[in-house]
Each structure stands twice: as C-alpha cells, then as structure tokens.
N, C-alpha and C. Protein backbone atom coordinates (compact mmCIF):
# COMPACT_ATOMS: atom_id res chain seq x y z
N MET A 1 5.71 -20.67 -10.51
CA MET A 1 7.10 -20.92 -10.81
C MET A 1 6.73 -20.53 -12.34
N THR A 2 7.66 -18.93 -12.59
CA THR A 2 7.73 -18.77 -13.73
C THR A 2 8.85 -19.41 -14.51
N ILE A 3 8.53 -20.10 -16.08
CA ILE A 3 9.59 -20.88 -16.23
C ILE A 3 10.08 -20.15 -17.69
N ARG A 4 11.97 -20.23 -17.45
CA ARG A 4 12.85 -19.17 -17.99
C ARG A 4 12.56 -19.88 -19.36
N SER A 5 13.59 -18.90 -20.63
CA SER A 5 13.74 -19.69 -21.76
C SER A 5 15.23 -19.85 -21.48
N GLU A 6 15.93 -20.60 -22.81
CA GLU A 6 17.68 -21.08 -22.55
C GLU A 6 18.09 -19.94 -22.64
N LYS A 7 18.19 -18.79 -22.92
CA LYS A 7 18.77 -17.86 -23.46
C LYS A 7 18.25 -16.55 -22.49
N TYR A 8 18.06 -16.53 -21.12
CA TYR A 8 17.38 -15.98 -20.23
C TYR A 8 18.54 -15.59 -19.30
N PRO A 9 19.38 -14.60 -19.27
CA PRO A 9 18.82 -13.06 -19.12
C PRO A 9 18.69 -12.46 -20.47
N LEU A 10 19.91 -12.87 -21.28
CA LEU A 10 19.94 -11.80 -21.96
C LEU A 10 18.41 -11.89 -23.09
N ASP A 11 17.43 -12.75 -22.59
CA ASP A 11 16.55 -12.57 -23.87
C ASP A 11 15.27 -11.24 -23.31
N VAL A 12 15.58 -10.79 -21.84
CA VAL A 12 15.07 -9.87 -21.24
C VAL A 12 15.68 -8.79 -21.25
N SER A 13 17.22 -8.63 -20.75
CA SER A 13 17.72 -7.74 -20.52
C SER A 13 17.90 -6.44 -22.30
N ILE A 14 18.04 -5.44 -22.06
CA ILE A 14 17.86 -4.32 -22.75
C ILE A 14 19.15 -3.73 -23.18
N ARG A 15 20.34 -3.74 -22.31
CA ARG A 15 21.37 -3.43 -22.49
C ARG A 15 22.44 -4.26 -22.87
N TYR A 16 22.08 -5.64 -22.58
CA TYR A 16 23.11 -7.10 -22.96
C TYR A 16 21.78 -8.32 -23.04
N PRO A 17 21.71 -7.59 -25.01
CA PRO A 17 21.09 -9.21 -25.28
C PRO A 17 22.05 -9.90 -25.48
N GLU A 18 21.20 -11.13 -26.07
CA GLU A 18 22.21 -12.10 -27.39
C GLU A 18 23.26 -11.62 -27.88
N SER A 19 23.04 -11.13 -29.00
CA SER A 19 23.78 -10.16 -29.58
C SER A 19 25.19 -9.49 -29.18
N ALA A 20 25.20 -9.11 -27.79
CA ALA A 20 26.28 -8.71 -26.69
C ALA A 20 27.18 -9.24 -26.86
N ILE A 21 27.10 -10.71 -26.58
CA ILE A 21 28.37 -11.28 -26.67
C ILE A 21 28.51 -11.65 -27.68
N ASP A 22 28.40 -11.56 -28.78
CA ASP A 22 30.01 -11.15 -30.26
C ASP A 22 30.17 -10.12 -30.78
N SER A 23 29.29 -9.22 -30.25
CA SER A 23 29.52 -7.53 -31.27
C SER A 23 30.54 -6.72 -29.78
N SER A 24 30.18 -7.55 -29.38
CA SER A 24 31.04 -6.85 -27.36
C SER A 24 32.58 -7.67 -27.77
N LEU A 25 32.35 -8.59 -28.19
CA LEU A 25 33.73 -9.26 -27.51
C LEU A 25 35.04 -8.86 -28.61
N SER A 26 34.67 -8.56 -30.31
CA SER A 26 35.44 -8.57 -30.55
C SER A 26 36.89 -7.18 -30.52
N PRO A 27 36.27 -6.40 -29.92
CA PRO A 27 37.54 -5.73 -29.50
C PRO A 27 38.12 -6.48 -28.16
N LEU A 28 37.84 -6.82 -27.05
CA LEU A 28 38.52 -7.23 -25.87
C LEU A 28 39.29 -8.90 -26.69
N LEU A 29 38.96 -9.29 -27.20
CA LEU A 29 39.70 -11.17 -27.52
C LEU A 29 40.42 -10.55 -28.57
N PRO A 30 41.52 -10.98 -28.78
CA PRO A 30 42.44 -11.01 -29.63
C PRO A 30 42.21 -12.21 -30.80
N ALA A 31 42.03 -11.72 -31.94
CA ALA A 31 41.38 -12.43 -33.62
C ALA A 31 42.20 -13.40 -33.25
N TYR A 32 40.89 -14.19 -33.28
CA TYR A 32 41.20 -15.23 -33.75
C TYR A 32 42.09 -15.92 -35.01
N ARG A 33 43.23 -16.83 -35.68
CA ARG A 33 43.77 -16.51 -37.19
C ARG A 33 43.90 -18.30 -37.13
N ARG A 34 43.45 -18.81 -38.57
CA ARG A 34 43.60 -20.34 -38.21
C ARG A 34 44.67 -20.87 -38.81
N PRO A 35 45.72 -21.70 -37.62
CA PRO A 35 46.76 -21.85 -37.82
C PRO A 35 47.07 -23.30 -38.44
N PRO A 36 47.91 -23.47 -38.90
CA PRO A 36 48.09 -24.52 -39.80
C PRO A 36 47.31 -26.11 -38.85
N ASN A 37 47.65 -25.72 -37.67
CA ASN A 37 47.34 -27.34 -36.55
C ASN A 37 46.20 -26.28 -35.72
N ASP A 38 45.36 -26.31 -36.51
CA ASP A 38 43.87 -25.80 -36.46
C ASP A 38 43.37 -27.11 -35.77
N GLY A 39 42.46 -26.87 -34.74
CA GLY A 39 41.92 -28.22 -34.48
C GLY A 39 42.89 -28.61 -32.86
N LEU A 40 43.91 -28.43 -33.16
CA LEU A 40 44.71 -28.70 -31.22
C LEU A 40 44.27 -28.29 -30.63
N VAL A 41 44.51 -28.47 -29.72
CA VAL A 41 44.36 -27.92 -28.51
C VAL A 41 46.21 -27.48 -27.72
N PHE A 42 46.91 -28.15 -27.76
CA PHE A 42 48.01 -27.64 -27.50
C PHE A 42 49.07 -28.36 -28.75
N ASN A 43 50.00 -27.20 -29.07
CA ASN A 43 51.17 -26.99 -30.17
C ASN A 43 52.17 -26.74 -29.66
N PRO A 44 52.38 -28.45 -30.33
CA PRO A 44 53.60 -29.46 -30.11
C PRO A 44 54.97 -28.39 -30.54
N GLN A 45 54.54 -27.55 -31.30
CA GLN A 45 56.02 -26.64 -31.81
C GLN A 45 56.65 -25.52 -30.89
N ILE A 46 55.53 -25.25 -30.53
CA ILE A 46 56.00 -24.28 -28.80
C ILE A 46 55.23 -24.38 -27.57
N SER A 47 55.20 -26.00 -27.32
CA SER A 47 54.51 -26.70 -26.26
C SER A 47 53.69 -25.68 -25.29
N ASP A 48 52.60 -24.77 -25.95
CA ASP A 48 51.88 -24.54 -24.93
C ASP A 48 50.18 -24.55 -25.73
N LEU A 49 49.21 -24.28 -25.05
CA LEU A 49 47.86 -23.93 -25.26
C LEU A 49 47.65 -22.76 -27.06
N THR A 50 46.88 -23.78 -28.27
CA THR A 50 47.20 -23.16 -29.48
C THR A 50 46.07 -22.07 -29.08
N ASN A 51 45.97 -20.97 -29.66
CA ASN A 51 45.30 -19.22 -30.03
C ASN A 51 43.56 -20.34 -29.30
N LEU A 52 43.29 -21.33 -30.45
CA LEU A 52 42.02 -21.75 -30.61
C LEU A 52 41.29 -22.63 -28.99
N ALA A 53 42.16 -22.88 -28.28
CA ALA A 53 42.12 -23.16 -27.46
C ALA A 53 41.61 -22.29 -26.34
N LEU A 54 42.90 -21.42 -26.24
CA LEU A 54 42.81 -20.50 -25.59
C LEU A 54 41.31 -19.56 -25.55
N HIS A 55 40.79 -18.95 -26.84
CA HIS A 55 39.67 -18.12 -27.50
C HIS A 55 38.68 -19.73 -26.89
N LYS A 56 38.26 -20.89 -27.36
CA LYS A 56 37.02 -21.83 -27.15
C LYS A 56 36.56 -21.84 -25.93
N TYR A 57 37.73 -22.21 -24.87
CA TYR A 57 37.77 -23.18 -24.00
C TYR A 57 37.78 -22.25 -22.75
N LEU A 58 38.34 -20.86 -23.04
CA LEU A 58 38.79 -20.25 -21.72
C LEU A 58 38.23 -18.87 -21.56
N LEU A 59 38.12 -17.74 -22.97
CA LEU A 59 38.13 -16.89 -23.33
C LEU A 59 36.75 -16.71 -23.09
N TYR A 60 35.75 -17.15 -24.07
CA TYR A 60 34.69 -17.50 -24.74
C TYR A 60 34.38 -17.35 -23.77
N PRO A 61 34.50 -18.95 -22.88
CA PRO A 61 32.65 -19.01 -22.05
C PRO A 61 32.41 -17.65 -20.46
N MET A 62 34.33 -17.35 -20.86
CA MET A 62 34.48 -16.18 -19.57
C MET A 62 33.35 -15.75 -20.16
N TRP A 63 33.13 -15.39 -20.95
CA TRP A 63 32.96 -13.19 -21.68
C TRP A 63 31.47 -13.66 -21.81
N ILE A 64 31.05 -15.03 -21.77
CA ILE A 64 29.72 -15.32 -21.94
C ILE A 64 28.95 -14.66 -20.55
N ASN A 65 29.92 -15.66 -19.66
CA ASN A 65 29.64 -15.44 -18.51
C ASN A 65 29.44 -13.98 -17.66
N ILE A 66 30.45 -13.29 -17.95
CA ILE A 66 30.57 -11.69 -18.21
C ILE A 66 29.45 -11.21 -18.56
N VAL A 67 28.49 -11.31 -19.74
CA VAL A 67 27.91 -11.04 -20.98
C VAL A 67 26.67 -10.81 -19.69
N LYS A 68 26.46 -12.14 -18.90
CA LYS A 68 25.12 -12.75 -18.61
C LYS A 68 25.30 -12.57 -17.41
N THR A 69 25.91 -11.97 -16.76
CA THR A 69 25.97 -11.44 -15.03
C THR A 69 25.14 -10.10 -15.28
N LEU A 70 25.91 -9.28 -16.36
CA LEU A 70 25.99 -7.67 -16.81
C LEU A 70 24.32 -8.35 -17.21
N ALA A 71 23.87 -8.46 -17.62
CA ALA A 71 22.48 -9.05 -17.75
C ALA A 71 21.43 -9.27 -17.01
N TYR A 72 21.81 -9.89 -15.81
CA TYR A 72 21.14 -10.12 -14.27
C TYR A 72 21.51 -8.77 -13.74
N CYS A 73 21.91 -7.92 -14.13
CA CYS A 73 22.19 -6.66 -13.07
C CYS A 73 20.90 -5.72 -14.01
N ASP A 74 21.52 -5.69 -15.28
CA ASP A 74 20.39 -4.75 -16.08
C ASP A 74 18.95 -4.92 -15.56
N ILE A 75 18.56 -6.03 -15.81
CA ILE A 75 17.16 -6.99 -15.16
C ILE A 75 16.61 -5.89 -14.21
N ILE A 76 18.06 -6.29 -13.05
CA ILE A 76 17.73 -5.92 -11.45
C ILE A 76 17.73 -4.19 -11.39
N ASP A 77 18.30 -3.50 -12.48
CA ASP A 77 18.07 -2.18 -12.15
C ASP A 77 16.52 -2.14 -12.86
N LEU A 78 16.49 -2.56 -13.96
CA LEU A 78 15.29 -2.44 -14.99
C LEU A 78 13.98 -2.61 -13.42
N ALA A 79 14.27 -3.67 -12.21
CA ALA A 79 13.37 -4.08 -11.78
C ALA A 79 13.29 -2.68 -10.48
N GLN A 80 14.35 -2.03 -10.37
CA GLN A 80 14.51 -1.48 -9.13
C GLN A 80 13.56 0.27 -10.01
N GLU A 81 14.10 0.36 -11.07
CA GLU A 81 13.58 1.48 -11.94
C GLU A 81 12.09 1.48 -11.75
N THR A 82 11.51 0.20 -12.05
CA THR A 82 10.06 0.27 -12.30
C THR A 82 9.27 0.14 -10.86
N ALA A 83 9.95 0.06 -9.53
CA ALA A 83 9.47 -0.18 -8.28
C ALA A 83 9.63 1.16 -7.96
N ALA A 84 10.69 1.87 -7.86
CA ALA A 84 10.77 3.48 -7.83
C ALA A 84 9.90 3.95 -8.62
N ASN A 85 9.21 3.76 -9.38
CA ASN A 85 8.64 5.19 -10.69
C ASN A 85 7.28 4.62 -9.33
N ALA A 86 7.15 2.89 -9.81
CA ALA A 86 6.00 2.99 -9.29
C ALA A 86 5.44 3.97 -8.07
N GLN A 87 5.80 3.40 -7.34
CA GLN A 87 6.07 4.03 -5.39
C GLN A 87 6.20 4.89 -5.58
N GLN A 88 6.35 6.25 -6.52
CA GLN A 88 6.74 7.34 -6.26
C GLN A 88 4.83 7.65 -7.49
N ASN A 89 4.01 6.84 -8.75
CA ASN A 89 3.33 7.11 -8.65
C ASN A 89 2.20 7.11 -7.18
N ALA A 90 2.05 6.18 -6.67
CA ALA A 90 1.76 5.80 -6.15
C ALA A 90 1.61 6.88 -5.02
N ASP A 91 2.64 7.61 -4.18
CA ASP A 91 2.88 8.45 -3.28
C ASP A 91 1.47 10.22 -4.24
N ILE A 92 2.12 10.14 -5.17
CA ILE A 92 1.50 10.93 -5.57
C ILE A 92 -0.15 10.96 -5.69
N ARG A 93 -0.37 10.27 -6.36
CA ARG A 93 -2.36 9.97 -6.10
C ARG A 93 -2.30 9.25 -4.63
N ILE A 94 -1.53 9.30 -3.84
CA ILE A 94 -2.31 9.54 -2.07
C ILE A 94 -2.25 10.74 -1.18
N ALA A 95 -1.51 11.39 -2.07
CA ALA A 95 -0.97 13.08 -2.09
C ALA A 95 -2.54 13.34 -1.87
N ALA A 96 -2.49 13.17 -3.57
CA ALA A 96 -4.05 13.44 -3.91
C ALA A 96 -5.60 12.88 -3.16
N LEU A 97 -5.20 11.81 -3.48
CA LEU A 97 -6.96 11.41 -2.79
C LEU A 97 -6.61 12.35 -0.83
N GLU A 98 -5.51 12.36 -0.20
CA GLU A 98 -5.53 12.95 1.30
C GLU A 98 -5.89 14.22 1.24
N GLY A 99 -5.67 15.30 -0.31
CA GLY A 99 -6.39 16.13 -0.41
C GLY A 99 -7.80 16.18 -0.64
N GLU A 100 -8.39 15.45 -1.40
CA GLU A 100 -9.87 15.23 -1.87
C GLU A 100 -10.35 14.86 -0.32
N VAL A 101 -10.01 13.90 0.44
CA VAL A 101 -10.89 13.09 1.06
C VAL A 101 -10.90 14.84 2.49
N ALA A 102 -9.90 15.32 2.77
CA ALA A 102 -9.58 16.58 3.41
C ALA A 102 -11.22 17.79 3.47
N SER A 103 -11.32 17.61 1.65
CA SER A 103 -12.03 18.65 1.37
C SER A 103 -13.00 17.95 1.69
N LEU A 104 -13.26 16.92 1.56
CA LEU A 104 -15.01 16.52 1.66
C LEU A 104 -14.90 15.81 2.85
N ARG A 105 -14.08 15.97 3.84
CA ARG A 105 -14.32 15.72 5.11
C ARG A 105 -14.85 17.50 5.40
N THR A 106 -14.21 18.69 4.92
CA THR A 106 -14.88 19.97 6.09
C THR A 106 -16.33 19.68 5.34
N SER A 107 -16.49 19.25 4.03
CA SER A 107 -17.94 19.55 3.47
C SER A 107 -18.92 18.54 4.50
N ILE A 108 -19.26 17.33 4.90
CA ILE A 108 -19.64 16.38 5.72
C ILE A 108 -19.65 17.29 6.63
N ASP A 109 -18.47 17.72 7.65
CA ASP A 109 -18.63 18.35 8.45
C ASP A 109 -19.74 19.58 8.30
N THR A 110 -19.94 20.14 7.37
CA THR A 110 -20.37 21.77 7.13
C THR A 110 -22.14 21.52 6.89
N LEU A 111 -22.15 19.97 6.22
CA LEU A 111 -23.67 18.81 5.97
C LEU A 111 -23.58 18.83 7.20
N ILE A 112 -22.92 18.13 8.35
CA ILE A 112 -23.36 17.74 9.69
C ILE A 112 -23.49 18.67 10.41
N ALA A 113 -23.25 20.45 10.23
CA ALA A 113 -23.47 21.08 11.25
C ALA A 113 -24.91 21.70 11.21
N PHE A 114 -25.04 21.54 9.43
CA PHE A 114 -25.98 22.32 8.99
C PHE A 114 -27.46 21.10 9.64
N PHE A 115 -27.60 19.97 8.85
CA PHE A 115 -28.43 19.23 8.84
C PHE A 115 -28.61 18.50 9.95
N GLY A 116 -27.46 17.94 10.63
CA GLY A 116 -28.02 16.48 11.49
C GLY A 116 -27.23 17.02 12.24
N VAL A 117 -27.27 16.38 13.90
CA VAL A 117 -26.59 16.46 15.48
C VAL A 117 -26.00 14.78 15.50
N THR A 118 -25.57 14.49 16.58
CA THR A 118 -24.82 13.21 16.88
C THR A 118 -25.62 12.92 17.98
N VAL A 119 -26.25 11.55 18.28
CA VAL A 119 -26.49 11.99 19.48
C VAL A 119 -25.97 11.22 20.62
N PRO A 120 -25.37 11.61 21.37
CA PRO A 120 -24.85 12.54 23.00
C PRO A 120 -25.67 10.95 23.88
N ALA A 121 -24.34 10.80 25.04
CA ALA A 121 -24.87 9.44 25.17
C ALA A 121 -25.01 10.14 26.96
N TRP A 122 -25.75 10.35 26.92
CA TRP A 122 -26.57 11.14 28.44
C TRP A 122 -26.79 9.75 29.16
N ILE A 123 -26.35 10.03 30.46
CA ILE A 123 -26.30 9.35 31.40
C ILE A 123 -27.73 9.51 32.55
N ASN A 124 -28.15 10.32 32.26
CA ASN A 124 -29.71 10.17 33.30
C ASN A 124 -30.06 11.57 32.62
N LYS A 125 -31.36 11.48 33.37
CA LYS A 125 -32.86 12.25 32.46
C LYS A 125 -32.63 13.79 32.59
N ASP A 126 -31.55 14.00 33.73
CA ASP A 126 -30.79 15.90 34.09
C ASP A 126 -30.75 15.97 33.03
N GLU A 127 -29.40 15.34 32.53
CA GLU A 127 -28.74 15.57 31.54
C GLU A 127 -29.65 15.79 30.09
N VAL A 128 -30.13 14.75 29.79
CA VAL A 128 -31.24 14.74 28.72
C VAL A 128 -31.88 15.99 28.59
N GLU A 129 -32.32 16.95 29.80
CA GLU A 129 -33.24 17.88 29.60
C GLU A 129 -32.40 19.47 29.94
N ASN A 130 -31.18 19.36 30.38
CA ASN A 130 -31.13 20.08 30.97
C ASN A 130 -28.59 20.13 30.05
N GLY A 131 -28.66 19.56 30.03
CA GLY A 131 -26.99 18.89 29.47
C GLY A 131 -26.74 18.44 30.95
N ASP A 132 -25.34 18.04 30.36
CA ASP A 132 -24.39 17.98 31.54
C ASP A 132 -23.56 19.15 32.77
N ASP A 133 -22.89 19.07 33.87
CA ASP A 133 -23.04 20.74 34.48
C ASP A 133 -22.78 21.66 33.15
N MET A 134 -21.28 21.08 32.64
CA MET A 134 -21.13 21.70 31.58
C MET A 134 -21.27 22.71 30.64
N GLY A 135 -22.15 21.68 30.12
CA GLY A 135 -23.22 22.00 28.63
C GLY A 135 -21.94 21.92 27.79
N ILE A 136 -20.38 20.39 27.99
CA ILE A 136 -20.22 20.76 26.55
C ILE A 136 -20.05 19.30 26.13
N VAL A 137 -19.57 18.46 27.08
CA VAL A 137 -19.41 16.61 26.97
C VAL A 137 -20.67 16.22 26.28
N HIS A 138 -22.09 16.44 27.06
CA HIS A 138 -23.38 15.87 26.24
C HIS A 138 -24.61 17.46 26.44
N PRO A 139 -24.77 17.72 25.53
CA PRO A 139 -25.55 19.22 25.34
C PRO A 139 -27.18 18.56 25.74
N SER A 140 -28.03 19.28 25.48
CA SER A 140 -29.12 18.64 26.15
C SER A 140 -29.88 18.90 25.11
N ALA A 141 -30.97 17.53 24.87
CA ALA A 141 -32.06 17.36 23.51
C ALA A 141 -32.73 18.85 23.21
N ALA A 142 -32.60 19.90 23.68
CA ALA A 142 -33.42 20.65 23.87
C ALA A 142 -32.35 22.12 22.71
N GLU A 143 -31.39 21.61 23.10
CA GLU A 143 -29.99 22.83 22.58
C GLU A 143 -29.65 22.23 21.12
N LEU A 144 -29.76 20.61 20.80
CA LEU A 144 -29.11 20.15 19.58
C LEU A 144 -30.81 20.22 18.83
N GLY A 145 -31.83 20.59 19.50
CA GLY A 145 -32.69 20.48 18.47
C GLY A 145 -33.42 19.15 18.41
N ILE A 146 -33.37 17.51 18.90
CA ILE A 146 -33.66 16.68 19.15
C ILE A 146 -35.26 16.73 19.59
N LEU A 147 -36.24 15.85 19.84
CA LEU A 147 -37.20 15.17 20.22
C LEU A 147 -37.08 14.19 20.86
N VAL A 148 -37.44 13.93 22.75
CA VAL A 148 -37.48 13.04 23.17
C VAL A 148 -38.80 11.86 23.96
N ALA A 149 -38.67 10.71 22.98
CA ALA A 149 -39.97 10.11 23.59
C ALA A 149 -39.33 9.11 24.94
N PHE A 150 -39.45 9.75 26.20
CA PHE A 150 -39.15 8.68 27.52
C PHE A 150 -39.86 7.81 27.52
N GLU A 151 -39.22 6.08 27.90
CA GLU A 151 -39.99 4.87 27.74
C GLU A 151 -39.41 4.71 29.70
N PHE A 152 -39.74 3.75 30.71
CA PHE A 152 -39.95 3.56 31.59
C PHE A 152 -39.76 2.30 32.03
N VAL A 153 -38.52 1.89 32.47
CA VAL A 153 -38.09 0.03 33.26
C VAL A 153 -38.63 0.34 35.13
N ARG A 154 -38.73 -0.52 35.53
CA ARG A 154 -38.38 -0.50 36.77
C ARG A 154 -37.03 -1.61 37.28
N GLN A 155 -36.83 -1.01 38.03
CA GLN A 155 -35.87 -2.01 39.03
C GLN A 155 -34.79 -2.63 37.96
N GLN A 156 -34.62 -1.46 37.10
CA GLN A 156 -33.45 -2.38 36.11
C GLN A 156 -32.05 -2.36 37.01
N LEU A 157 -31.56 -4.09 37.15
CA LEU A 157 -29.89 -4.09 37.54
C LEU A 157 -29.28 -3.41 37.30
N GLY A 158 -28.19 -2.75 37.97
CA GLY A 158 -26.95 -2.18 38.05
C GLY A 158 -27.55 -0.37 37.15
N PHE A 159 -28.57 -0.05 37.69
CA PHE A 159 -28.91 1.26 37.32
C PHE A 159 -29.23 2.21 38.35
N GLY A 160 -29.26 3.49 38.46
CA GLY A 160 -29.81 4.21 39.45
C GLY A 160 -31.36 4.76 38.68
N HIS A 161 -31.80 6.15 39.95
CA HIS A 161 -33.06 6.03 39.41
C HIS A 161 -32.98 6.89 38.50
N GLU A 162 -33.82 7.29 37.46
CA GLU A 162 -33.76 8.11 36.47
C GLU A 162 -32.42 7.70 35.26
N ASP A 163 -31.73 6.87 35.79
CA ASP A 163 -30.34 6.82 34.77
C ASP A 163 -31.12 6.15 33.30
N VAL A 164 -30.40 6.94 32.68
CA VAL A 164 -30.57 6.23 31.25
C VAL A 164 -30.08 4.41 31.09
N VAL A 165 -31.08 3.52 30.29
CA VAL A 165 -30.76 2.54 30.11
C VAL A 165 -30.39 2.13 28.63
N SER A 166 -31.26 2.73 28.18
CA SER A 166 -30.81 2.45 26.49
C SER A 166 -31.09 3.58 25.64
N ILE A 167 -30.84 3.81 24.82
CA ILE A 167 -31.09 5.06 23.59
C ILE A 167 -31.08 4.81 22.32
N ASP A 168 -31.97 5.06 21.60
CA ASP A 168 -32.01 5.04 20.40
C ASP A 168 -33.20 5.71 19.60
N PRO A 169 -32.24 6.06 18.38
CA PRO A 169 -30.82 5.40 17.68
C PRO A 169 -29.83 5.59 19.17
N PRO A 170 -28.74 4.50 18.78
CA PRO A 170 -27.78 4.75 19.79
C PRO A 170 -27.05 5.87 19.60
N ALA A 171 -26.27 6.42 20.96
CA ALA A 171 -25.29 7.53 21.13
C ALA A 171 -24.40 7.27 19.72
N GLY A 172 -24.41 8.43 19.21
CA GLY A 172 -22.95 8.92 18.27
C GLY A 172 -23.31 8.17 17.01
N THR A 173 -24.73 8.40 17.29
CA THR A 173 -25.78 8.49 15.24
C THR A 173 -26.01 9.91 15.08
N LEU A 174 -25.68 9.60 13.89
CA LEU A 174 -25.70 10.83 13.00
C LEU A 174 -27.14 11.26 12.57
N ILE A 175 -28.47 12.12 12.89
CA ILE A 175 -29.58 12.19 12.94
C ILE A 175 -29.35 13.93 12.52
N PRO A 176 -31.11 13.66 11.74
CA PRO A 176 -30.97 14.88 11.41
C PRO A 176 -31.82 15.74 12.25
N ARG A 177 -31.62 16.96 12.53
CA ARG A 177 -32.34 18.10 13.76
C ARG A 177 -33.77 17.56 13.50
N GLY A 178 -35.00 17.66 14.53
CA GLY A 178 -36.11 17.70 14.93
C GLY A 178 -36.49 16.56 15.11
N ASN A 179 -35.42 15.29 14.62
CA ASN A 179 -35.93 13.58 14.78
C ASN A 179 -36.03 13.48 16.36
N THR A 180 -36.89 12.37 16.54
CA THR A 180 -37.69 12.24 18.07
C THR A 180 -36.28 11.08 18.39
N VAL A 181 -35.89 11.10 19.41
CA VAL A 181 -34.61 10.00 19.90
C VAL A 181 -35.66 9.34 21.04
N LYS A 182 -35.54 7.56 21.37
CA LYS A 182 -36.33 7.37 22.42
C LYS A 182 -35.28 6.86 23.29
N VAL A 183 -35.32 7.35 24.92
CA VAL A 183 -35.05 7.17 26.00
C VAL A 183 -35.21 6.66 26.60
N THR A 184 -34.51 5.28 27.31
CA THR A 184 -35.22 4.33 28.02
C THR A 184 -35.13 4.54 29.44
N LEU A 185 -35.32 4.87 30.76
CA LEU A 185 -35.28 5.54 31.89
C LEU A 185 -35.78 4.17 32.47
N ASN A 186 -34.22 4.27 34.20
CA ASN A 186 -35.17 3.29 34.73
C ASN A 186 -35.53 4.27 36.42
N LEU A 187 -36.78 3.33 36.57
CA LEU A 187 -37.40 3.62 37.47
C LEU A 187 -37.39 2.84 38.76
N LEU A 188 -36.47 3.54 40.33
CA LEU A 188 -36.51 2.74 41.19
C LEU A 188 -37.94 2.02 42.17
N GLY A 189 -39.27 3.36 42.17
CA GLY A 189 -40.40 3.30 42.84
C GLY A 189 -41.13 2.88 42.23
C-alpha cells in the first residue's frame, strides 16, 4: 500500500499544484472585502449570509474540490501518456528483435544446411538404407551423410521384423555430417 502525503494529488500533479488553488481562484471568485460585521455568518442588516460565509464555507471548499478533481485527472492523463509511450517503445523494440531473430534464423538455417543434418525418425531398416518410398520425409542415411551403426534386439514387443526400436541420438537431433548414429533394430528370428 502506498502512503500518500496530505497534499495528494496536488503535490504530484504538474498542471494543478497546490498553488493553483489560490492563483486560479482570484478571477473566478468575487473579491472579499472586510465589511464592518466581519466574522459573522449571518448579516442582520440585510437578513442574508455575509460574503465571508459564502466565500469561506461554500465557494472556497467547492473550489478546492474542483482543483483536486482536476489534479486527479491530470495524474490519470500522465499515467496514460506514460503507458502509451512505454507501449510504443516496446512495440519498436519488439519489431527490431523480430527482425534480428529472422536474420539469425536465416543464418542458422544456412549453417545447418551446410554443416549439419537432422536425424530422421526412420521406421525400419529399409528407410535407414534407402529412405522412405518418396524420399521426402525420411531420407536415407547415405543421402544425409550420416554413418549408421546397427544394433539388434530379439523379439521386442510391439515391433515387427527389422523395425527401428530406438535411434541414438534421437530423431530430430541436429548433428554434423559424417557423425555416426546408433540404430537399434528388432529381429523376430
């Protein structure tokens, strides 16, 4: 919880500081002259309130509330301007970062294509050696420049003959061309 001073919002507002109460008041409120019955609230000579009573108890407190209300509005305006500027600066920085990321992505893609390959998710021994039927989804190890070391397990549940049980490093891993990938195959016989 923020503790505010007694003069808040007048001590924070730029357009409506505490001095605005008295300086702005003079053209709006009638000048107060000290009549002979100064200090009285009711003037018996004219059967009405005195100027002092009107000024001190009605107009001046009302004016203070108007200036405080304007000061609150000023603080809200300043907060909105600050938030709008922060949002605009953030948008500019985000756009700049997006451009940098796009250029880095292009550079990384170029380097990956030149130096490395992604290990495919081969399904069986035929795909490892020859690629998939279309040669699009799972290229062969030879096409990618990957060396393969086969290991075998017997009668692994859930796998057919010469199905790939595991790949190390796993499928989707970026590796340099010429690295060896260990492919474990299932044998039914």
